[in-house]
Amino acid sequence: MSRTRGGPANIAQPRGDLLVTAWIMFGILHVMAVVLAFLAAYAPGSLPVHLVHTGPPLLPLKMRAFLDFAGPRLKASLADIANI
């Protein structure tokens, strides 16, 4: 059996460089989470969004499905904002 790097004998052996890479990635993700949590305090408030369609009266089915899906949710969220 070959003992060269990448040969069958090395399949079950732990690799230190992968462990170091994993710890580096964990550190980067942790720092990103801390930065995002800090910046969330300074994020601007949400703005309302309006759905306007000025096209022909016959809508594509995808557009009609989206408007039917998003319309009630938009109305509910705007009502929640108005009640604040």
N, C-alpha and C. Protein backbone atom coordinates (compact mmCIF):
# COMPACT_ATOMS: atom_id res chain seq x y z
N MET A 1 0.83 -1.17 0.00
CA MET A 1 0.00 0.00 0.00
C MET A 1 0.88 1.24 0.00
N SER A 2 0.51 2.21 -0.78
CA SER A 2 1.31 3.42 -0.94
C SER A 2 1.12 4.36 0.25
N ARG A 3 2.19 4.98 0.68
CA ARG A 3 2.14 5.94 1.78
C ARG A 3 2.35 7.38 1.26
N THR A 4 2.15 7.61 -0.01
CA THR A 4 2.33 8.95 -0.55
C THR A 4 1.10 9.80 -0.25
N ARG A 5 1.27 11.09 -0.27
CA ARG A 5 0.17 12.01 0.02
C ARG A 5 -0.95 11.80 -0.99
N GLY A 6 -2.14 11.66 -0.48
CA GLY A 6 -3.29 11.48 -1.34
C GLY A 6 -3.55 10.03 -1.70
N GLY A 7 -2.70 9.12 -1.28
CA GLY A 7 -2.90 7.71 -1.57
C GLY A 7 -3.96 7.11 -0.67
N PRO A 8 -4.31 5.86 -0.88
CA PRO A 8 -5.34 5.20 -0.10
C PRO A 8 -5.03 5.13 1.39
N ALA A 9 -3.75 5.12 1.79
CA ALA A 9 -3.41 5.01 3.20
C ALA A 9 -3.73 6.29 3.95
N ASN A 10 -3.88 7.42 3.26
CA ASN A 10 -4.12 8.71 3.92
C ASN A 10 -5.60 9.06 4.02
N ILE A 11 -6.48 8.23 3.55
CA ILE A 11 -7.90 8.56 3.54
C ILE A 11 -8.43 8.71 4.95
N ALA A 12 -8.09 7.83 5.87
CA ALA A 12 -8.64 7.85 7.22
C ALA A 12 -7.83 8.71 8.18
N GLN A 13 -6.72 9.24 7.76
CA GLN A 13 -5.88 10.04 8.65
C GLN A 13 -6.38 11.49 8.68
N PRO A 14 -6.45 12.09 9.87
CA PRO A 14 -6.88 13.48 9.94
C PRO A 14 -5.83 14.40 9.31
N ARG A 15 -6.31 15.45 8.71
CA ARG A 15 -5.41 16.41 8.07
C ARG A 15 -5.45 17.71 8.85
N GLY A 16 -4.29 18.15 9.30
CA GLY A 16 -4.20 19.36 10.09
C GLY A 16 -4.60 20.62 9.33
N ASP A 17 -4.30 20.66 8.02
CA ASP A 17 -4.61 21.87 7.26
C ASP A 17 -6.12 22.06 7.13
N LEU A 18 -6.89 20.98 7.07
CA LEU A 18 -8.35 21.11 7.02
C LEU A 18 -8.89 21.61 8.35
N LEU A 19 -8.31 21.16 9.44
CA LEU A 19 -8.74 21.61 10.76
C LEU A 19 -8.46 23.10 10.93
N VAL A 20 -7.30 23.55 10.49
CA VAL A 20 -6.95 24.97 10.57
C VAL A 20 -7.90 25.78 9.70
N THR A 21 -8.19 25.31 8.50
CA THR A 21 -9.11 26.01 7.61
C THR A 21 -10.49 26.10 8.24
N ALA A 22 -10.95 25.04 8.88
CA ALA A 22 -12.26 25.05 9.52
C ALA A 22 -12.30 26.07 10.65
N TRP A 23 -11.24 26.15 11.45
CA TRP A 23 -11.20 27.13 12.54
C TRP A 23 -11.14 28.55 12.02
N ILE A 24 -10.44 28.77 10.93
CA ILE A 24 -10.40 30.10 10.32
C ILE A 24 -11.78 30.49 9.83
N MET A 25 -12.47 29.58 9.16
CA MET A 25 -13.83 29.86 8.67
C MET A 25 -14.77 30.12 9.84
N PHE A 26 -14.65 29.36 10.92
CA PHE A 26 -15.48 29.57 12.10
C PHE A 26 -15.23 30.96 12.67
N GLY A 27 -13.98 31.37 12.74
CA GLY A 27 -13.64 32.70 13.24
C GLY A 27 -14.21 33.80 12.37
N ILE A 28 -14.11 33.63 11.06
CA ILE A 28 -14.65 34.64 10.13
C ILE A 28 -16.15 34.75 10.30
N LEU A 29 -16.85 33.61 10.37
CA LEU A 29 -18.30 33.63 10.53
C LEU A 29 -18.71 34.26 11.86
N HIS A 30 -17.94 34.00 12.90
CA HIS A 30 -18.23 34.59 14.21
C HIS A 30 -18.08 36.11 14.15
N VAL A 31 -17.00 36.58 13.54
CA VAL A 31 -16.78 38.02 13.43
C VAL A 31 -17.89 38.66 12.60
N MET A 32 -18.29 38.00 11.53
CA MET A 32 -19.38 38.54 10.70
C MET A 32 -20.68 38.63 11.49
N ALA A 33 -20.97 37.63 12.30
CA ALA A 33 -22.19 37.65 13.10
C ALA A 33 -22.16 38.79 14.11
N VAL A 34 -21.02 39.03 14.73
CA VAL A 34 -20.89 40.13 15.69
C VAL A 34 -21.07 41.47 14.99
N VAL A 35 -20.45 41.64 13.84
CA VAL A 35 -20.56 42.90 13.10
C VAL A 35 -22.01 43.14 12.66
N LEU A 36 -22.67 42.11 12.15
CA LEU A 36 -24.06 42.27 11.73
C LEU A 36 -24.97 42.59 12.90
N ALA A 37 -24.73 41.98 14.05
CA ALA A 37 -25.54 42.28 15.23
C ALA A 37 -25.31 43.73 15.67
N PHE A 38 -24.09 44.21 15.57
CA PHE A 38 -23.79 45.60 15.93
C PHE A 38 -24.46 46.56 14.96
N LEU A 39 -24.36 46.28 13.66
CA LEU A 39 -24.93 47.18 12.66
C LEU A 39 -26.45 47.17 12.65
N ALA A 40 -27.07 46.10 13.14
CA ALA A 40 -28.54 46.02 13.16
C ALA A 40 -29.12 47.15 14.01
N ALA A 41 -28.41 47.59 15.01
CA ALA A 41 -28.90 48.69 15.85
C ALA A 41 -28.97 50.00 15.08
N TYR A 42 -28.20 50.14 14.02
CA TYR A 42 -28.16 51.37 13.25
C TYR A 42 -28.90 51.26 11.92
N ALA A 43 -29.61 50.18 11.70
CA ALA A 43 -30.34 49.99 10.44
C ALA A 43 -31.53 50.93 10.39
N PRO A 44 -31.82 51.51 9.22
CA PRO A 44 -32.99 52.38 9.12
C PRO A 44 -34.27 51.56 9.21
N GLY A 45 -35.35 52.22 9.55
CA GLY A 45 -36.64 51.55 9.64
C GLY A 45 -37.12 51.08 8.28
N SER A 46 -38.08 50.19 8.29
CA SER A 46 -38.64 49.67 7.05
C SER A 46 -39.52 50.72 6.39
N LEU A 47 -39.56 50.68 5.08
CA LEU A 47 -40.42 51.57 4.31
C LEU A 47 -41.51 50.74 3.64
N PRO A 48 -42.69 51.31 3.50
CA PRO A 48 -43.76 50.55 2.83
C PRO A 48 -43.45 50.37 1.35
N VAL A 49 -43.97 49.30 0.81
CA VAL A 49 -43.80 48.98 -0.61
C VAL A 49 -45.18 48.89 -1.23
N HIS A 50 -45.34 49.48 -2.40
CA HIS A 50 -46.63 49.47 -3.09
C HIS A 50 -46.52 48.67 -4.38
N LEU A 51 -47.56 47.91 -4.68
CA LEU A 51 -47.61 47.15 -5.92
C LEU A 51 -48.45 47.93 -6.93
N VAL A 52 -47.85 48.30 -8.04
CA VAL A 52 -48.55 49.05 -9.07
C VAL A 52 -48.33 48.34 -10.39
N HIS A 53 -49.43 48.09 -11.09
CA HIS A 53 -49.33 47.46 -12.41
C HIS A 53 -50.03 48.36 -13.41
N THR A 54 -49.31 48.85 -14.40
CA THR A 54 -49.90 49.74 -15.39
C THR A 54 -49.94 49.10 -16.77
N GLY A 55 -49.75 47.79 -16.82
CA GLY A 55 -49.73 47.09 -18.10
C GLY A 55 -51.13 46.83 -18.63
N PRO A 56 -51.21 45.97 -19.63
CA PRO A 56 -52.52 45.65 -20.21
C PRO A 56 -53.41 44.95 -19.18
N PRO A 57 -54.73 44.98 -19.40
CA PRO A 57 -55.63 44.39 -18.42
C PRO A 57 -55.45 42.88 -18.23
N LEU A 58 -54.98 42.18 -19.23
CA LEU A 58 -54.73 40.74 -19.12
C LEU A 58 -53.31 40.53 -18.61
N LEU A 59 -53.22 40.02 -17.39
CA LEU A 59 -51.92 39.79 -16.77
C LEU A 59 -51.41 38.39 -17.06
N PRO A 60 -50.10 38.23 -17.14
CA PRO A 60 -49.56 36.87 -17.16
C PRO A 60 -49.91 36.16 -15.85
N LEU A 61 -50.07 34.85 -15.90
CA LEU A 61 -50.47 34.10 -14.71
C LEU A 61 -49.48 34.26 -13.56
N LYS A 62 -48.20 34.34 -13.87
CA LYS A 62 -47.21 34.52 -12.81
C LYS A 62 -47.40 35.86 -12.09
N MET A 63 -47.70 36.91 -12.85
CA MET A 63 -47.91 38.22 -12.25
C MET A 63 -49.17 38.23 -11.39
N ARG A 64 -50.24 37.61 -11.90
CA ARG A 64 -51.49 37.55 -11.14
C ARG A 64 -51.30 36.76 -9.85
N ALA A 65 -50.57 35.65 -9.92
CA ALA A 65 -50.31 34.83 -8.73
C ALA A 65 -49.49 35.62 -7.72
N PHE A 66 -48.50 36.37 -8.19
CA PHE A 66 -47.68 37.17 -7.27
C PHE A 66 -48.52 38.25 -6.61
N LEU A 67 -49.34 38.96 -7.38
CA LEU A 67 -50.17 40.02 -6.81
C LEU A 67 -51.17 39.45 -5.81
N ASP A 68 -51.75 38.29 -6.13
CA ASP A 68 -52.69 37.65 -5.21
C ASP A 68 -51.99 37.21 -3.92
N PHE A 69 -50.75 36.80 -4.03
CA PHE A 69 -49.98 36.36 -2.87
C PHE A 69 -49.52 37.56 -2.03
N ALA A 70 -48.93 38.56 -2.69
CA ALA A 70 -48.29 39.66 -1.97
C ALA A 70 -49.28 40.73 -1.51
N GLY A 71 -50.38 40.91 -2.22
CA GLY A 71 -51.32 41.98 -1.90
C GLY A 71 -51.85 41.93 -0.48
N PRO A 72 -52.45 40.82 -0.04
CA PRO A 72 -52.97 40.76 1.33
C PRO A 72 -51.87 40.92 2.39
N ARG A 73 -50.71 40.37 2.12
CA ARG A 73 -49.61 40.50 3.08
C ARG A 73 -49.13 41.94 3.17
N LEU A 74 -49.11 42.62 2.05
CA LEU A 74 -48.73 44.03 2.03
C LEU A 74 -49.75 44.86 2.79
N LYS A 75 -51.03 44.61 2.56
CA LYS A 75 -52.08 45.34 3.28
C LYS A 75 -51.98 45.11 4.79
N ALA A 76 -51.73 43.86 5.18
CA ALA A 76 -51.63 43.55 6.61
C ALA A 76 -50.42 44.24 7.24
N SER A 77 -49.30 44.24 6.54
CA SER A 77 -48.11 44.88 7.11
C SER A 77 -48.27 46.39 7.16
N LEU A 78 -48.94 46.98 6.17
CA LEU A 78 -49.19 48.41 6.22
C LEU A 78 -50.16 48.76 7.35
N ALA A 79 -51.13 47.90 7.60
CA ALA A 79 -52.06 48.13 8.71
C ALA A 79 -51.32 48.06 10.04
N ASP A 80 -50.38 47.13 10.15
CA ASP A 80 -49.57 47.02 11.37
C ASP A 80 -48.73 48.28 11.57
N ILE A 81 -48.18 48.81 10.50
CA ILE A 81 -47.37 50.03 10.60
C ILE A 81 -48.24 51.20 11.01
N ALA A 82 -49.47 51.29 10.46
CA ALA A 82 -50.36 52.39 10.78
C ALA A 82 -50.81 52.33 12.23
N ASN A 83 -50.86 51.14 12.83
CA ASN A 83 -51.29 50.99 14.21
C ASN A 83 -50.19 51.30 15.23
N ILE A 84 -48.99 51.44 14.75
CA ILE A 84 -47.87 51.68 15.68
C ILE A 84 -47.87 53.11 16.17
